[in-house]
């Protein structure tokens, strides 16, 4: 027999996150509210990522900035790898020409 999954509204989730932040203990807060610790942790992670509606981090501009930041970090990583490769190649050819 399968369990019926409870669906919580955005306001409840936002309030649960506020309580957890004030309390500082995920397991105690989850027990207090009668929800699973995993659900509360998932909501907290979504809040940190700016994807949970009803929280102050929930902002479309913020989410766009997070995505742009992620893309720029990837581009920076590629540029750093290319720079290291060019450094090694320049050192190799400088050693060969002597």
PDB file of N, CA and C in Angstrom:
ATOM      1  N   UNK A   1       0.849  -1.170   0.000  1.00  0.00           N
ATOM      2  CA  UNK A   1       0.000   0.000   0.000  1.00  0.00           C
ATOM      3  C   UNK A   1       0.896   1.236   0.000  1.00  0.00           C
ATOM      4  N   UNK A   2       0.604   2.162  -0.864  1.00  0.00           N
ATOM      5  CA  UNK A   2       1.455   3.349  -0.985  1.00  0.00           C
ATOM      6  C   UNK A   2       0.948   4.463  -0.076  1.00  0.00           C
ATOM      7  N   UNK A   3       1.911   5.271   0.354  1.00  0.00           N
ATOM      8  CA  UNK A   3       1.559   6.413   1.198  1.00  0.00           C
ATOM      9  C   UNK A   3       1.085   7.557   0.320  1.00  0.00           C
ATOM     10  N   UNK A   4       0.172   8.334   0.842  1.00  0.00           N
ATOM     11  CA  UNK A   4      -0.288   9.500   0.119  1.00  0.00           C
ATOM     12  C   UNK A   4       0.631  10.658   0.482  1.00  0.00           C
ATOM     13  N   UNK A   5       1.204  11.290  -0.511  1.00  0.00           N
ATOM     14  CA  UNK A   5       2.152  12.369  -0.296  1.00  0.00           C
ATOM     15  C   UNK A   5       1.418  13.651   0.078  1.00  0.00           C
ATOM     16  N   UNK A   6       1.881  14.285   1.161  1.00  0.00           N
ATOM     17  CA  UNK A   6       1.276  15.545   1.574  1.00  0.00           C
ATOM     18  C   UNK A   6       1.837  16.670   0.723  1.00  0.00           C
ATOM     19  N   UNK A   7       0.993  17.623   0.397  1.00  0.00           N
ATOM     20  CA  UNK A   7       1.414  18.783  -0.384  1.00  0.00           C
ATOM     21  C   UNK A   7       1.272  20.012   0.506  1.00  0.00           C
ATOM     22  N   UNK A   8       2.369  20.738   0.650  1.00  0.00           N
ATOM     23  CA  UNK A   8       2.387  21.929   1.487  1.00  0.00           C
ATOM     24  C   UNK A   8       2.419  23.166   0.599  1.00  0.00           C
ATOM     25  N   UNK A   9       1.703  24.214   1.019  1.00  0.00           N
ATOM     26  CA  UNK A   9       1.694  25.442   0.224  1.00  0.00           C
ATOM     27  C   UNK A   9       2.976  26.250   0.480  1.00  0.00           C
ATOM     28  N   UNK A  10       3.201  27.228  -0.374  1.00  0.00           N
ATOM     29  CA  UNK A  10       4.425  28.015  -0.303  1.00  0.00           C
ATOM     30  C   UNK A  10       4.531  28.798   1.000  1.00  0.00           C
ATOM     31  N   UNK A  11       3.408  29.249   1.509  1.00  0.00           N
ATOM     32  CA  UNK A  11       3.424  30.010   2.761  1.00  0.00           C
ATOM     33  C   UNK A  11       3.887  29.125   3.922  1.00  0.00           C
ATOM     34  N   UNK A  12       3.410  27.894   3.972  1.00  0.00           N
ATOM     35  CA  UNK A  12       3.827  26.963   5.016  1.00  0.00           C
ATOM     36  C   UNK A  12       5.321  26.692   4.924  1.00  0.00           C
ATOM     37  N   UNK A  13       5.800  26.485   3.700  1.00  0.00           N
ATOM     38  CA  UNK A  13       7.227  26.222   3.506  1.00  0.00           C
ATOM     39  C   UNK A  13       8.075  27.400   3.966  1.00  0.00           C
ATOM     40  N   UNK A  14       7.648  28.619   3.611  1.00  0.00           N
ATOM     41  CA  UNK A  14       8.396  29.820   4.000  1.00  0.00           C
ATOM     42  C   UNK A  14       8.410  29.977   5.517  1.00  0.00           C
ATOM     43  N   UNK A  15       7.281  29.713   6.155  1.00  0.00           N
ATOM     44  CA  UNK A  15       7.216  29.806   7.613  1.00  0.00           C
ATOM     45  C   UNK A  15       8.091  28.740   8.267  1.00  0.00           C
ATOM     46  N   UNK A  16       8.098  27.541   7.698  1.00  0.00           N
ATOM     47  CA  UNK A  16       8.936  26.464   8.234  1.00  0.00           C
ATOM     48  C   UNK A  16      10.409  26.841   8.151  1.00  0.00           C
ATOM     49  N   UNK A  17      10.811  27.468   7.062  1.00  0.00           N
ATOM     50  CA  UNK A  17      12.203  27.902   6.906  1.00  0.00           C
ATOM     51  C   UNK A  17      12.541  28.983   7.929  1.00  0.00           C
ATOM     52  N   UNK A  18      11.617  29.923   8.149  1.00  0.00           N
ATOM     53  CA  UNK A  18      11.853  30.970   9.158  1.00  0.00           C
ATOM     54  C   UNK A  18      12.027  30.353  10.540  1.00  0.00           C
ATOM     55  N   UNK A  19      11.173  29.403  10.879  1.00  0.00           N
ATOM     56  CA  UNK A  19      11.268  28.741  12.183  1.00  0.00           C
ATOM     57  C   UNK A  19      12.599  28.001  12.298  1.00  0.00           C
ATOM     58  N   UNK A  20      12.975  27.308  11.231  1.00  0.00           N
ATOM     59  CA  UNK A  20      14.237  26.558  11.251  1.00  0.00           C
ATOM     60  C   UNK A  20      15.416  27.491  11.416  1.00  0.00           C
ATOM     61  N   UNK A  21      15.395  28.643  10.750  1.00  0.00           N
ATOM     62  CA  UNK A  21      16.512  29.585  10.860  1.00  0.00           C
ATOM     63  C   UNK A  21      16.593  30.160  12.270  1.00  0.00           C
ATOM     64  N   UNK A  22      15.457  30.408  12.886  1.00  0.00           N
ATOM     65  CA  UNK A  22      15.457  30.903  14.264  1.00  0.00           C
ATOM     66  C   UNK A  22      15.878  29.812  15.244  1.00  0.00           C
ATOM     67  N   UNK A  23      15.405  28.600  14.988  1.00  0.00           N
ATOM     68  CA  UNK A  23      15.686  27.468  15.864  1.00  0.00           C
ATOM     69  C   UNK A  23      17.112  26.957  15.668  1.00  0.00           C
ATOM     70  N   UNK A  24      17.547  26.891  14.409  1.00  0.00           N
ATOM     71  CA  UNK A  24      18.898  26.414  14.104  1.00  0.00           C
ATOM     72  C   UNK A  24      19.050  24.909  14.123  1.00  0.00           C
ATOM     73  N   UNK A  25      17.963  24.174  14.278  1.00  0.00           N
ATOM     74  CA  UNK A  25      18.037  22.723  14.348  1.00  0.00           C
ATOM     75  C   UNK A  25      16.986  22.131  13.416  1.00  0.00           C
ATOM     76  N   UNK A  26      17.446  21.501  12.349  1.00  0.00           N
ATOM     77  CA  UNK A  26      16.540  20.968  11.332  1.00  0.00           C
ATOM     78  C   UNK A  26      15.665  19.854  11.899  1.00  0.00           C
ATOM     79  N   UNK A  27      16.264  18.925  12.614  1.00  0.00           N
ATOM     80  CA  UNK A  27      15.485  17.778  13.091  1.00  0.00           C
ATOM     81  C   UNK A  27      14.427  18.198  14.113  1.00  0.00           C
ATOM     82  N   UNK A  28      14.774  19.104  15.025  1.00  0.00           N
ATOM     83  CA  UNK A  28      13.801  19.558  16.027  1.00  0.00           C
ATOM     84  C   UNK A  28      12.665  20.325  15.363  1.00  0.00           C
ATOM     85  N   UNK A  29      12.993  21.156  14.400  1.00  0.00           N
ATOM     86  CA  UNK A  29      11.970  21.931  13.699  1.00  0.00           C
ATOM     87  C   UNK A  29      11.046  21.004  12.914  1.00  0.00           C
ATOM     88  N   UNK A  30      11.620  20.024  12.233  1.00  0.00           N
ATOM     89  CA  UNK A  30      10.806  19.079  11.458  1.00  0.00           C
ATOM     90  C   UNK A  30       9.861  18.298  12.379  1.00  0.00           C
ATOM     91  N   UNK A  31      10.377  17.847  13.518  1.00  0.00           N
ATOM     92  CA  UNK A  31       9.553  17.119  14.475  1.00  0.00           C
ATOM     93  C   UNK A  31       8.426  18.018  14.993  1.00  0.00           C
ATOM     94  N   UNK A  32       8.792  19.262  15.290  1.00  0.00           N
ATOM     95  CA  UNK A  32       7.825  20.235  15.823  1.00  0.00           C
ATOM     96  C   UNK A  32       6.685  20.490  14.833  1.00  0.00           C
ATOM     97  N   UNK A  33       7.010  20.556  13.545  1.00  0.00           N
ATOM     98  CA  UNK A  33       6.006  20.850  12.525  1.00  0.00           C
ATOM     99  C   UNK A  33       5.318  19.605  11.973  1.00  0.00           C
ATOM    100  N   UNK A  34       5.845  18.434  12.312  1.00  0.00           N
ATOM    101  CA  UNK A  34       5.245  17.193  11.836  1.00  0.00           C
ATOM    102  C   UNK A  34       5.547  16.898  10.380  1.00  0.00           C
ATOM    103  N   UNK A  35       6.722  17.304   9.926  1.00  0.00           N
ATOM    104  CA  UNK A  35       7.142  17.021   8.549  1.00  0.00           C
ATOM    105  C   UNK A  35       8.446  16.246   8.584  1.00  0.00           C
ATOM    106  N   UNK A  36       8.815  15.702   7.448  1.00  0.00           N
ATOM    107  CA  UNK A  36      10.061  14.941   7.414  1.00  0.00           C
ATOM    108  C   UNK A  36      11.261  15.891   7.389  1.00  0.00           C
ATOM    109  N   UNK A  37      12.350  15.412   7.955  1.00  0.00           N
ATOM    110  CA  UNK A  37      13.578  16.192   7.980  1.00  0.00           C
ATOM    111  C   UNK A  37      14.085  16.427   6.560  1.00  0.00           C
ATOM    112  N   UNK A  38      13.904  15.452   5.692  1.00  0.00           N
ATOM    113  CA  UNK A  38      14.358  15.566   4.306  1.00  0.00           C
ATOM    114  C   UNK A  38      13.595  16.659   3.567  1.00  0.00           C
ATOM    115  N   UNK A  39      12.288  16.742   3.805  1.00  0.00           N
ATOM    116  CA  UNK A  39      11.491  17.789   3.147  1.00  0.00           C
ATOM    117  C   UNK A  39      11.963  19.165   3.582  1.00  0.00           C
ATOM    118  N   UNK A  40      12.183  19.345   4.883  1.00  0.00           N
ATOM    119  CA  UNK A  40      12.644  20.633   5.392  1.00  0.00           C
ATOM    120  C   UNK A  40      14.024  20.976   4.842  1.00  0.00           C
ATOM    121  N   UNK A  41      14.892  19.986   4.759  1.00  0.00           N
ATOM    122  CA  UNK A  41      16.227  20.216   4.188  1.00  0.00           C
ATOM    123  C   UNK A  41      16.139  20.612   2.725  1.00  0.00           C
ATOM    124  N   UNK A  42      15.256  19.955   1.980  1.00  0.00           N
ATOM    125  CA  UNK A  42      15.068  20.303   0.566  1.00  0.00           C
ATOM    126  C   UNK A  42      14.563  21.725   0.424  1.00  0.00           C
ATOM    127  N   UNK A  43      13.612  22.123   1.253  1.00  0.00           N
ATOM    128  CA  UNK A  43      13.093  23.495   1.201  1.00  0.00           C
ATOM    129  C   UNK A  43      14.181  24.498   1.546  1.00  0.00           C
ATOM    130  N   UNK A  44      15.003  24.146   2.531  1.00  0.00           N
ATOM    131  CA  UNK A  44      16.094  25.040   2.939  1.00  0.00           C
ATOM    132  C   UNK A  44      17.092  25.210   1.797  1.00  0.00           C
ATOM    133  N   UNK A  45      17.432  24.116   1.119  1.00  0.00           N
ATOM    134  CA  UNK A  45      18.358  24.192  -0.020  1.00  0.00           C
ATOM    135  C   UNK A  45      17.769  25.016  -1.155  1.00  0.00           C
ATOM    136  N   UNK A  46      16.466  24.857  -1.402  1.00  0.00           N
ATOM    137  CA  UNK A  46      15.817  25.663  -2.436  1.00  0.00           C
ATOM    138  C   UNK A  46      15.828  27.139  -2.060  1.00  0.00           C
ATOM    139  N   UNK A  47      15.659  27.426  -0.770  1.00  0.00           N
ATOM    140  CA  UNK A  47      15.688  28.812  -0.310  1.00  0.00           C
ATOM    141  C   UNK A  47      17.066  29.409  -0.537  1.00  0.00           C
ATOM    142  N   UNK A  48      18.106  28.652  -0.214  1.00  0.00           N
ATOM    143  CA  UNK A  48      19.471  29.144  -0.417  1.00  0.00           C
ATOM    144  C   UNK A  48      19.751  29.384  -1.895  1.00  0.00           C
ATOM    145  N   UNK A  49      19.162  28.585  -2.756  1.00  0.00           N
ATOM    146  CA  UNK A  49      19.355  28.748  -4.195  1.00  0.00           C
ATOM    147  C   UNK A  49      18.440  29.815  -4.778  1.00  0.00           C
ATOM    148  N   UNK A  50      17.520  30.335  -3.958  1.00  0.00           N
ATOM    149  CA  UNK A  50      16.606  31.373  -4.423  1.00  0.00           C
ATOM    150  C   UNK A  50      15.439  30.855  -5.226  1.00  0.00           C
ATOM    151  N   UNK A  51      15.089  29.597  -5.030  1.00  0.00           N
ATOM    152  CA  UNK A  51      14.039  28.987  -5.845  1.00  0.00           C
ATOM    153  C   UNK A  51      12.767  28.651  -5.085  1.00  0.00           C
ATOM    154  N   UNK A  52      12.694  29.007  -3.805  1.00  0.00           N
ATOM    155  CA  UNK A  52      11.493  28.696  -3.043  1.00  0.00           C
ATOM    156  C   UNK A  52      10.618  29.935  -2.971  1.00  0.00           C
ATOM    157  N   UNK A  53       9.418  29.816  -3.508  1.00  0.00           N
ATOM    158  CA  UNK A  53       8.486  30.943  -3.524  1.00  0.00           C
ATOM    159  C   UNK A  53       8.082  31.306  -2.109  1.00  0.00           C
ATOM    160  N   UNK A  54       7.896  32.587  -1.892  1.00  0.00           N
ATOM    161  CA  UNK A  54       7.456  33.054  -0.588  1.00  0.00           C
ATOM    162  C   UNK A  54       8.576  33.448   0.345  1.00  0.00           C
ATOM    163  N   UNK A  55       9.802  33.250  -0.060  1.00  0.00           N
ATOM    164  CA  UNK A  55      10.936  33.659   0.763  1.00  0.00           C
ATOM    165  C   UNK A  55      11.554  34.907   0.167  1.00  0.00           C
ATOM    166  N   UNK A  56      12.341  35.597   0.964  1.00  0.00           N
ATOM    167  CA  UNK A  56      12.907  36.854   0.467  1.00  0.00           C
ATOM    168  C   UNK A  56      13.940  36.617  -0.630  1.00  0.00           C
ATOM    169  N   UNK A  57      14.485  35.403  -0.726  1.00  0.00           N
ATOM    170  CA  UNK A  57      15.428  35.112  -1.796  1.00  0.00           C
ATOM    171  C   UNK A  57      14.722  34.808  -3.117  1.00  0.00           C
ATOM    172  N   UNK A  58      13.418  34.594  -3.064  1.00  0.00           N
ATOM    173  CA  UNK A  58      12.659  34.272  -4.273  1.00  0.00           C
ATOM    174  C   UNK A  58      12.508  35.542  -5.115  1.00  0.00           C
ATOM    175  N   UNK A  59      13.362  35.668  -6.111  1.00  0.00           N
ATOM    176  CA  UNK A  59      13.365  36.851  -6.951  1.00  0.00           C
ATOM    177  C   UNK A  59      13.838  36.409  -8.333  1.00  0.00           C
ATOM    178  N   UNK A  60      13.059  36.649  -9.374  1.00  0.00           N
ATOM    179  CA  UNK A  60      13.478  36.229 -10.713  1.00  0.00           C
ATOM    180  C   UNK A  60      14.830  36.815 -11.126  1.00  0.00           C
ATOM    181  N   UNK A  61      15.092  38.055 -10.726  1.00  0.00           N
ATOM    182  CA  UNK A  61      16.389  38.656 -11.058  1.00  0.00           C
ATOM    183  C   UNK A  61      17.513  37.936 -10.342  1.00  0.00           C
ATOM    184  N   UNK A  62      17.269  37.529  -9.102  1.00  0.00           N
ATOM    185  CA  UNK A  62      18.271  36.809  -8.331  1.00  0.00           C
ATOM    186  C   UNK A  62      18.585  35.473  -8.983  1.00  0.00           C
ATOM    187  N   UNK A  63      17.553  34.789  -9.427  1.00  0.00           N
ATOM    188  CA  UNK A  63      17.751  33.491 -10.084  1.00  0.00           C
ATOM    189  C   UNK A  63      18.529  33.677 -11.386  1.00  0.00           C
ATOM    190  N   UNK A  64      18.204  34.725 -12.145  1.00  0.00           N
ATOM    191  CA  UNK A  64      18.943  35.006 -13.381  1.00  0.00           C
ATOM    192  C   UNK A  64      20.405  35.309 -13.080  1.00  0.00           C
ATOM    193  N   UNK A  65      20.654  36.041 -12.010  1.00  0.00           N
ATOM    194  CA  UNK A  65      22.036  36.335 -11.621  1.00  0.00           C
ATOM    195  C   UNK A  65      22.787  35.074 -11.210  1.00  0.00           C
ATOM    196  N   UNK A  66      22.101  34.168 -10.506  1.00  0.00           N
ATOM    197  CA  UNK A  66      22.732  32.904 -10.128  1.00  0.00           C
ATOM    198  C   UNK A  66      23.118  32.090 -11.366  1.00  0.00           C
ATOM    199  N   UNK A  67      22.215  32.049 -12.342  1.00  0.00           N
ATOM    200  CA  UNK A  67      22.504  31.317 -13.571  1.00  0.00           C
ATOM    201  C   UNK A  67      23.672  31.950 -14.329  1.00  0.00           C
ATOM    202  N   UNK A  68      23.678  33.284 -14.411  1.00  0.00           N
ATOM    203  CA  UNK A  68      24.762  33.982 -15.089  1.00  0.00           C
ATOM    204  C   UNK A  68      26.085  33.758 -14.359  1.00  0.00           C
ATOM    205  N   UNK A  69      26.035  33.778 -13.038  1.00  0.00           N
ATOM    206  CA  UNK A  69      27.238  33.542 -12.241  1.00  0.00           C
ATOM    207  C   UNK A  69      27.792  32.144 -12.498  1.00  0.00           C
ATOM    208  N   UNK A  70      26.912  31.159 -12.572  1.00  0.00           N
ATOM    209  CA  UNK A  70      27.323  29.779 -12.840  1.00  0.00           C
ATOM    210  C   UNK A  70      27.988  29.676 -14.215  1.00  0.00           C
ATOM    211  N   UNK A  71      27.386  30.336 -15.210  1.00  0.00           N
ATOM    212  CA  UNK A  71      27.938  30.306 -16.564  1.00  0.00           C
ATOM    213  C   UNK A  71      29.302  30.993 -16.609  1.00  0.00           C
ATOM    214  N   UNK A  72      29.422  32.123 -15.921  1.00  0.00           N
ATOM    215  CA  UNK A  72      30.691  32.852 -15.912  1.00  0.00           C
ATOM    216  C   UNK A  72      31.789  32.074 -15.185  1.00  0.00           C
ATOM    217  N   UNK A  73      31.426  31.354 -14.135  1.00  0.00           N
ATOM    218  CA  UNK A  73      32.411  30.524 -13.441  1.00  0.00           C
ATOM    219  C   UNK A  73      32.935  29.426 -14.371  1.00  0.00           C
ATOM    220  N   UNK A  74      32.038  28.828 -15.161  1.00  0.00           N
ATOM    221  CA  UNK A  74      32.460  27.807 -16.116  1.00  0.00           C
ATOM    222  C   UNK A  74      33.388  28.398 -17.172  1.00  0.00           C
ATOM    223  N   UNK A  75      33.052  29.588 -17.678  1.00  0.00           N
ATOM    224  CA  UNK A  75      33.903  30.246 -18.671  1.00  0.00           C
ATOM    225  C   UNK A  75      35.272  30.589 -18.081  1.00  0.00           C
ATOM    226  N   UNK A  76      35.293  31.033 -16.828  1.00  0.00           N
ATOM    227  CA  UNK A  76      36.558  31.345 -16.164  1.00  0.00           C
ATOM    228  C   UNK A  76      37.415  30.096 -16.019  1.00  0.00           C
ATOM    229  N   UNK A  77      36.798  28.984 -15.666  1.00  0.00           N
ATOM    230  CA  UNK A  77      37.526  27.724 -15.521  1.00  0.00           C
ATOM    231  C   UNK A  77      38.171  27.316 -16.849  1.00  0.00           C
ATOM    232  N   UNK A  78      37.430  27.463 -17.934  1.00  0.00           N
ATOM    233  CA  UNK A  78      37.955  27.132 -19.259  1.00  0.00           C
ATOM    234  C   UNK A  78      39.109  28.059 -19.626  1.00  0.00           C
ATOM    235  N   UNK A  79      38.953  29.361 -19.360  1.00  0.00           N
ATOM    236  CA  UNK A  79      40.004  30.332 -19.678  1.00  0.00           C
ATOM    237  C   UNK A  79      41.269  30.056 -18.868  1.00  0.00           C
ATOM    238  N   UNK A  80      41.109  29.668 -17.598  1.00  0.00           N
ATOM    239  CA  UNK A  80      42.276  29.341 -16.776  1.00  0.00           C
ATOM    240  C   UNK A  80      42.989  28.099 -17.300  1.00  0.00           C
ATOM    241  N   UNK A  81      42.235  27.110 -17.745  1.00  0.00           N
ATOM    242  CA  UNK A  81      42.849  25.900 -18.302  1.00  0.00           C
ATOM    243  C   UNK A  81      43.592  26.230 -19.592  1.00  0.00           C
ATOM    244  N   UNK A  82      43.004  27.073 -20.434  1.00  0.00           N
ATOM    245  CA  UNK A  82      43.669  27.472 -21.673  1.00  0.00           C
ATOM    246  C   UNK A  82      44.955  28.242 -21.379  1.00  0.00           C
ATOM    247  N   UNK A  83      44.912  29.133 -20.390  1.00  0.00           N
ATOM    248  CA  UNK A  83      46.089  29.906 -20.012  1.00  0.00           C
ATOM    249  C   UNK A  83      47.212  28.988 -19.539  1.00  0.00           C
ATOM    250  N   UNK A  84      46.886  28.007 -18.711  1.00  0.00           N
ATOM    251  CA  UNK A  84      47.901  27.068 -18.233  1.00  0.00           C
ATOM    252  C   UNK A  84      48.502  26.281 -19.394  1.00  0.00           C
ATOM    253  N   UNK A  85      47.663  25.880 -20.325  1.00  0.00           N
ATOM    254  CA  UNK A  85      48.161  25.152 -21.488  1.00  0.00           C
ATOM    255  C   UNK A  85      49.119  26.031 -22.294  1.00  0.00           C
ATOM    256  N   UNK A  86      48.740  27.288 -22.520  1.00  0.00           N
ATOM    257  CA  UNK A  86      49.599  28.193 -23.284  1.00  0.00           C
ATOM    258  C   UNK A  86      50.907  28.475 -22.561  1.00  0.00           C
ATOM    259  N   UNK A  87      50.884  28.565 -21.246  1.00  0.00           N
ATOM    260  CA  UNK A  87      52.114  28.748 -20.468  1.00  0.00           C
ATOM    261  C   UNK A  87      53.064  27.570 -20.689  1.00  0.00           C
ATOM    262  N   UNK A  88      52.519  26.367 -20.610  1.00  0.00           N
ATOM    263  CA  UNK A  88      53.331  25.167 -20.784  1.00  0.00           C
ATOM    264  C   UNK A  88      53.874  25.083 -22.207  1.00  0.00           C
ATOM    265  N   UNK A  89      53.044  25.439 -23.189  1.00  0.00           N
ATOM    266  CA  UNK A  89      53.483  25.391 -24.566  1.00  0.00           C
ATOM    267  C   UNK A  89      54.578  26.438 -24.805  1.00  0.00           C
ATOM    268  N   UNK A  90      54.440  27.623 -24.264  1.00  0.00           N
ATOM    269  CA  UNK A  90      55.450  28.677 -24.416  1.00  0.00           C
ATOM    270  C   UNK A  90      56.754  28.245 -23.767  1.00  0.00           C
ATOM    271  N   UNK A  91      56.689  27.634 -22.611  1.00  0.00           N
ATOM    272  CA  UNK A  91      57.912  27.151 -21.931  1.00  0.00           C
ATOM    273  C   UNK A  91      58.576  26.058 -22.760  1.00  0.00           C
ATOM    274  N   UNK A  92      57.786  25.171 -23.327  1.00  0.00           N
ATOM    275  CA  UNK A  92      58.339  24.084 -24.146  1.00  0.00           C
ATOM    276  C   UNK A  92      59.060  24.648 -25.374  1.00  0.00           C
ATOM    277  N   UNK A  93      58.402  25.566 -26.078  1.00  0.00           N
ATOM    278  CA  UNK A  93      59.015  26.110 -27.294  1.00  0.00           C
ATOM    279  C   UNK A  93      60.192  27.013 -26.973  1.00  0.00           C
ATOM    280  N   UNK A  94      60.186  27.683 -25.832  1.00  0.00           N
ATOM    281  CA  UNK A  94      61.323  28.497 -25.440  1.00  0.00           C
ATOM    282  C   UNK A  94      62.522  27.606 -25.146  1.00  0.00           C
ATOM    283  N   UNK A  95      62.283  26.453 -24.564  1.00  0.00           N
ATOM    284  CA  UNK A  95      63.360  25.518 -24.239  1.00  0.00           C
ATOM    285  C   UNK A  95      63.911  24.888 -25.534  1.00  0.00           C
ATOM    286  N   UNK A  96      63.058  24.622 -26.495  1.00  0.00           N
ATOM    287  CA  UNK A  96      63.460  24.041 -27.767  1.00  0.00           C
ATOM    288  C   UNK A  96      64.300  24.996 -28.603  1.00  0.00           C
ATOM    289  N   UNK A  97      64.003  26.303 -28.538  1.00  0.00           N
ATOM    290  CA  UNK A  97      64.704  27.262 -29.377  1.00  0.00           C
ATOM    291  C   UNK A  97      66.101  27.589 -28.861  1.00  0.00           C
ATOM    292  N   UNK A  98      66.430  27.228 -27.657  1.00  0.00           N
ATOM    293  CA  UNK A  98      67.757  27.526 -27.107  1.00  0.00           C
ATOM    294  C   UNK A  98      68.780  26.540 -27.513  1.00  0.00           C
TER     295      UNK A  98
END
